[in-house]
């Protein structure tokens, strides 16, 4: 059973935000789609929103009773802007908050981990989604997707480490249930795909499905950090390189049943996603 209400989706043009807004709207739920430019999203009310522009916050929260939270990208001090917003949201009548975090960041961990830790004390109804790495990283605008298209390579410091990569559509489906079910999960949920794969496996599957050679180039931690620093701040680059090093040590080598439990269906495999995107010309 689901409940009525209006959901503010922050980051509504992003990988999971766009899918969450679309799935909510398709299910007949009222949605305010928040982005820095207030970009229109089908069947949702577009609203301008910027984490670093507090004057956009109150109008975005007007009439809202639940919120899907995507942290500011690449901000190692996310809590400094998110916690005041969440206190404001609670004061304006928001009763349920669903936060997008990461399987690599526990409650009390760096960046969004501080927000995760604070969420149960701010809202009676809540959930923290902790997905593994997105499958769309290899097909979209992510650095991996770009290097695959430009060079036929995936560069990581993960070695032979495995990750149960998850489809962003499955993350969105869980977010919709967490936002709209009569009872909120009131816990954190580690979301994975159906199987743990190394980046060597990813390269092999991409080669088999697309017919184009893709190889995994194994870098050291330092090489990965320096490669990332060319595009993002050095502190965030070091954090991401540390995550690769953790993957190499086995930190992400796990499969959970959270997608199945929350949505009632099995998560999509990477091969199935890639075959679907290839058929569609993606």
Protein backbone atom coordinates (compact mmCIF):
# COMPACT_ATOMS: atom_id res chain seq x y z
CA UNK A 1 0.00 0.00 0.00
CA UNK A 2 1.27 3.49 -0.83
CA UNK A 3 0.51 6.88 0.63
CA UNK A 4 -0.41 10.18 -1.04
CA UNK A 5 1.76 13.27 -0.80
CA UNK A 6 4.14 15.51 -2.73
CA UNK A 7 7.76 14.47 -3.13
CA UNK A 8 10.63 16.85 -3.74
CA UNK A 9 13.26 15.07 -5.84
CA UNK A 10 16.59 16.87 -5.54
CA UNK A 11 18.94 16.31 -8.45
CA UNK A 12 16.00 15.47 -10.71
CA UNK A 13 18.10 15.61 -13.87
CA UNK A 14 20.77 13.24 -12.55
CA UNK A 15 21.27 9.49 -12.92
CA UNK A 16 18.97 8.32 -10.12
CA UNK A 17 17.01 11.55 -9.60
CA UNK A 18 15.64 11.62 -13.14
CA UNK A 19 14.58 7.99 -12.93
CA UNK A 20 13.03 8.43 -9.49
CA UNK A 21 11.04 11.49 -10.61
CA UNK A 22 9.88 9.67 -13.74
CA UNK A 23 8.83 6.53 -11.86
CA UNK A 24 7.00 8.55 -9.21
CA UNK A 25 5.12 10.56 -11.84
CA UNK A 26 4.28 7.42 -13.83
CA UNK A 27 2.77 5.97 -10.65
CA UNK A 28 0.49 8.98 -10.24
CA UNK A 29 2.41 10.67 -7.43
CA UNK A 30 2.86 14.43 -7.22
CA UNK A 31 6.48 15.41 -7.85
CA UNK A 32 8.51 18.60 -7.59
CA UNK A 33 11.61 18.10 -9.72
CA UNK A 34 14.46 20.19 -8.33
CA UNK A 35 17.59 21.10 -10.27
CA UNK A 36 19.87 24.10 -10.58
CA UNK A 37 18.10 25.27 -13.73
CA UNK A 38 14.61 24.04 -12.89
CA UNK A 39 14.75 21.81 -15.97
CA UNK A 40 11.35 20.35 -16.94
CA UNK A 41 10.77 16.68 -16.14
CA UNK A 42 7.78 14.89 -17.64
CA UNK A 43 4.65 15.11 -15.43
CA UNK A 44 6.55 16.88 -12.63
CA UNK A 45 6.67 20.49 -11.46
CA UNK A 46 10.14 21.91 -12.19
CA UNK A 47 11.67 24.00 -9.40
CA UNK A 48 15.10 25.70 -9.25
CA UNK A 49 17.31 24.36 -6.46
CA UNK A 50 20.96 24.69 -5.58
CA UNK A 51 22.46 23.24 -2.41
CA UNK A 52 24.76 26.28 -2.19
CA UNK A 53 21.97 28.84 -2.74
CA UNK A 54 19.82 28.76 0.42
CA UNK A 55 17.38 31.26 -1.10
CA UNK A 56 16.14 28.44 -3.38
CA UNK A 57 15.35 26.05 -0.53
CA UNK A 58 12.10 27.32 1.00
CA UNK A 59 10.24 27.59 -2.32
CA UNK A 60 11.37 24.10 -3.31
CA UNK A 61 10.06 22.73 0.00
CA UNK A 62 6.69 24.51 -0.22
CA UNK A 63 3.87 21.94 -0.05
CA UNK A 64 6.23 18.98 0.22
CA UNK A 65 5.94 16.18 2.78
CA UNK A 66 8.76 13.91 1.59
CA UNK A 67 12.11 14.43 -0.08
CA UNK A 68 14.63 12.40 -2.07
CA UNK A 69 18.09 13.70 -1.27
CA UNK A 70 21.00 13.56 -3.69
CA UNK A 71 24.06 15.18 -2.06
CA UNK A 72 26.03 17.92 -3.81
CA UNK A 73 28.42 16.17 -6.18
CA UNK A 74 32.07 16.06 -5.18
CA UNK A 75 31.54 18.00 -1.94
CA UNK A 76 33.57 16.49 0.89
CA UNK A 77 31.77 18.87 3.29
CA UNK A 78 28.24 17.89 2.21
CA UNK A 79 26.89 17.90 5.77
CA UNK A 80 27.60 21.62 6.15
CA UNK A 81 24.98 22.48 3.52
CA UNK A 82 22.67 19.48 3.87
CA UNK A 83 21.98 19.49 7.61
CA UNK A 84 20.65 23.09 7.76
CA UNK A 85 18.42 22.27 4.77
CA UNK A 86 17.10 19.13 6.50
CA UNK A 87 16.30 21.05 9.68
CA UNK A 88 14.45 23.61 7.56
CA UNK A 89 12.62 20.81 5.74
CA UNK A 90 11.44 19.31 9.01
CA UNK A 91 10.22 22.71 10.24
CA UNK A 92 8.22 23.17 7.02
CA UNK A 93 6.37 19.87 7.32
CA UNK A 94 8.56 17.28 5.60
CA UNK A 95 8.07 14.02 7.48
CA UNK A 96 9.97 11.50 5.34
CA UNK A 97 13.47 11.73 3.91
CA UNK A 98 15.25 9.24 1.67
CA UNK A 99 18.97 9.84 1.23
CA UNK A 100 21.16 8.55 -1.57
CA UNK A 101 24.52 7.53 -0.16
CA UNK A 102 26.96 4.79 -1.16
CA UNK A 103 27.69 1.21 -0.17
CA UNK A 104 31.25 2.39 0.44
CA UNK A 105 30.25 5.00 3.06
CA UNK A 106 28.75 3.83 6.38
CA UNK A 107 26.84 5.96 8.86
CA UNK A 108 29.29 8.38 10.43
CA UNK A 109 31.70 7.99 7.52
CA UNK A 110 33.12 10.83 5.44
CA UNK A 111 31.01 13.36 3.51
CA UNK A 112 27.42 12.07 3.26
CA UNK A 113 28.09 9.55 6.04
CA UNK A 114 27.61 12.38 8.54
CA UNK A 115 24.18 13.14 7.05
CA UNK A 116 23.29 9.44 7.19
CA UNK A 117 24.14 9.38 10.88
CA UNK A 118 21.97 12.44 11.59
CA UNK A 119 18.92 11.46 9.54
CA UNK A 120 17.11 9.25 12.12
CA UNK A 121 17.29 12.07 14.67
CA UNK A 122 15.73 14.54 12.24
CA UNK A 123 12.86 12.50 10.76
CA UNK A 124 10.57 9.82 12.13
CA UNK A 125 10.32 8.28 8.65
CA UNK A 126 13.53 7.78 6.74
CA UNK A 127 15.76 5.57 4.66
CA UNK A 128 19.32 5.68 3.41
CA UNK A 129 19.98 4.01 0.06
CA UNK A 130 23.55 2.73 -0.20
CA UNK A 131 23.92 1.41 -3.75
CA UNK A 132 27.06 -0.16 -5.07
CA UNK A 133 28.61 1.42 -8.15
CA UNK A 134 26.21 2.25 -10.99
CA UNK A 135 26.14 0.11 -14.14
CA UNK A 136 25.50 3.35 -16.04
CA UNK A 137 29.03 4.49 -15.16
CA UNK A 138 30.16 2.37 -18.11
CA UNK A 139 27.58 3.63 -20.60
CA UNK A 140 26.86 7.26 -19.67
CA UNK A 141 28.79 10.47 -19.03
CA UNK A 142 30.97 9.06 -16.23
CA UNK A 143 34.75 9.00 -16.75
CA UNK A 144 34.59 5.23 -17.35
CA UNK A 145 31.99 5.69 -20.08
CA UNK A 146 34.08 8.38 -21.75
CA UNK A 147 37.31 6.35 -21.66
CA UNK A 148 35.49 3.31 -23.05
CA UNK A 149 34.14 5.34 -25.96
CA UNK A 150 37.34 7.30 -26.59
CA UNK A 151 40.04 4.72 -25.84
CA UNK A 152 38.38 1.32 -25.40
CA UNK A 153 39.73 1.17 -21.84
CA UNK A 154 38.48 1.13 -18.25
CA UNK A 155 41.09 2.55 -15.87
CA UNK A 156 40.88 1.61 -12.19
CA UNK A 157 43.00 0.77 -9.15
CA UNK A 158 40.61 -2.09 -8.24
CA UNK A 159 42.86 -4.92 -9.41
CA UNK A 160 40.89 -8.18 -9.36
CA UNK A 161 38.37 -6.83 -6.83
CA UNK A 162 34.70 -7.42 -7.57
CA UNK A 163 31.63 -5.17 -7.31
CA UNK A 164 27.94 -6.10 -7.59
CA UNK A 165 27.21 -3.18 -9.93
CA UNK A 166 23.57 -2.01 -9.80
CA UNK A 167 21.23 -0.57 -12.43
CA UNK A 168 20.12 3.00 -11.69
CA UNK A 169 16.56 2.00 -12.65
CA UNK A 170 16.60 -0.50 -9.78
CA UNK A 171 17.88 2.16 -7.38
CA UNK A 172 15.03 4.44 -8.47
CA UNK A 173 12.49 1.65 -8.01
CA UNK A 174 13.68 1.16 -4.42
CA UNK A 175 13.61 4.93 -3.85
CA UNK A 176 9.98 5.09 -5.00
CA UNK A 177 8.98 2.36 -2.55
CA UNK A 178 10.96 3.97 0.27
CA UNK A 179 9.27 7.31 -0.43
CA UNK A 180 5.69 6.12 -0.94
CA UNK A 181 5.07 2.87 0.98
CA UNK A 182 2.79 3.31 3.98
CA UNK A 183 5.69 2.43 6.28
CA UNK A 184 9.15 3.83 5.62
CA UNK A 185 12.09 1.41 5.81
CA UNK A 186 13.62 3.37 8.72
CA UNK A 187 16.99 1.78 8.00
CA UNK A 188 19.83 1.84 5.52
CA UNK A 189 19.68 -0.44 2.49
CA UNK A 190 22.73 -1.72 0.62
CA UNK A 191 21.59 -2.08 -3.00
CA UNK A 192 23.41 -4.34 -5.45
CA UNK A 193 22.92 -6.07 -8.75
CA UNK A 194 22.56 -9.85 -9.00
CA UNK A 195 26.26 -10.72 -9.30
CA UNK A 196 29.68 -9.43 -8.28
CA UNK A 197 31.93 -8.64 -11.25
CA UNK A 198 35.52 -7.48 -11.59
CA UNK A 199 36.37 -4.72 -14.02
CA UNK A 200 38.01 -7.41 -16.14
CA UNK A 201 34.56 -9.09 -16.25
CA UNK A 202 32.93 -5.79 -17.21
CA UNK A 203 35.40 -5.30 -20.06
CA UNK A 204 34.82 -8.85 -21.29
CA UNK A 205 31.02 -8.51 -21.24
CA UNK A 206 31.18 -5.18 -23.04
CA UNK A 207 33.42 -6.69 -25.70
CA UNK A 208 31.08 -9.66 -26.16
CA UNK A 209 27.87 -7.63 -26.28
CA UNK A 210 29.04 -4.62 -28.32
CA UNK A 211 31.59 -6.30 -30.55
CA UNK A 212 34.10 -3.57 -29.73
CA UNK A 213 37.25 -4.44 -27.80
CA UNK A 214 37.27 -3.04 -24.25
CA UNK A 215 40.13 -3.73 -21.83
CA UNK A 216 40.64 -3.04 -18.13
CA UNK A 217 43.83 -1.07 -17.49
CA UNK A 218 45.01 -1.65 -13.92
CA UNK A 219 46.52 1.41 -12.27
CA UNK A 220 48.21 1.93 -8.92
CA UNK A 221 46.47 4.01 -6.27
CA UNK A 222 48.75 6.95 -7.05
CA UNK A 223 48.17 6.69 -10.79
CA UNK A 224 44.40 6.59 -10.26
CA UNK A 225 44.45 9.55 -7.87
CA UNK A 226 46.51 11.63 -10.29
CA UNK A 227 44.29 10.69 -13.24
CA UNK A 228 41.19 11.80 -11.32
CA UNK A 229 42.85 15.01 -10.11
CA UNK A 230 42.87 16.23 -13.71
CA UNK A 231 39.07 16.52 -13.50
CA UNK A 232 38.07 16.90 -9.84
CA UNK A 233 39.49 18.43 -6.62
CA UNK A 234 42.43 16.52 -5.20
CA UNK A 235 40.65 15.65 -1.93
CA UNK A 236 37.74 14.05 -3.80
CA UNK A 237 40.15 12.34 -6.20
CA UNK A 238 41.97 10.80 -3.25
CA UNK A 239 38.65 9.64 -1.75
CA UNK A 240 37.62 7.92 -5.00
CA UNK A 241 41.05 6.33 -5.42
CA UNK A 242 40.77 5.07 -1.83
CA UNK A 243 37.43 3.49 -2.78
CA UNK A 244 39.15 1.67 -5.65
CA UNK A 245 41.78 0.42 -3.22
CA UNK A 246 39.02 -0.82 -0.91
CA UNK A 247 37.40 -2.67 -3.83
CA UNK A 248 40.74 -4.34 -4.56
CA UNK A 249 40.73 -5.56 -0.94
CA UNK A 250 37.22 -7.05 -1.30
CA UNK A 251 35.09 -4.36 0.36
CA UNK A 252 32.38 -4.44 -2.36
CA UNK A 253 32.39 -8.19 -3.07
CA UNK A 254 28.85 -8.88 -1.86
CA UNK A 255 25.34 -9.35 -3.20
CA UNK A 256 22.24 -8.33 -1.24
CA UNK A 257 18.54 -9.08 -1.69
CA UNK A 258 17.40 -5.50 -0.97
CA UNK A 259 16.18 -4.73 -4.51
CA UNK A 260 14.16 -7.97 -4.58
CA UNK A 261 12.68 -7.33 -1.10
CA UNK A 262 11.68 -3.73 -1.76
CA UNK A 263 10.44 -4.03 -5.35
CA UNK A 264 9.30 -7.65 -5.58
CA UNK A 265 11.52 -8.36 -8.59
CA UNK A 266 15.10 -9.37 -9.20
CA UNK A 267 17.65 -6.67 -10.08
CA UNK A 268 18.80 -6.43 -13.69
CA UNK A 269 22.17 -7.89 -14.68
CA UNK A 270 24.86 -5.85 -16.40
CA UNK A 271 24.68 -8.03 -19.49
CA UNK A 272 20.89 -7.53 -19.72
CA UNK A 273 21.25 -3.75 -19.36
CA UNK A 274 23.99 -3.61 -21.98
CA UNK A 275 22.00 -5.78 -24.42
CA UNK A 276 18.96 -3.51 -23.97
CA UNK A 277 21.02 -0.35 -24.53
CA UNK A 278 22.72 -1.90 -27.57
CA UNK A 279 19.33 -2.79 -29.10
CA UNK A 280 18.22 0.80 -28.56
CA UNK A 281 21.39 2.16 -30.11
CA UNK A 282 22.71 3.47 -26.80
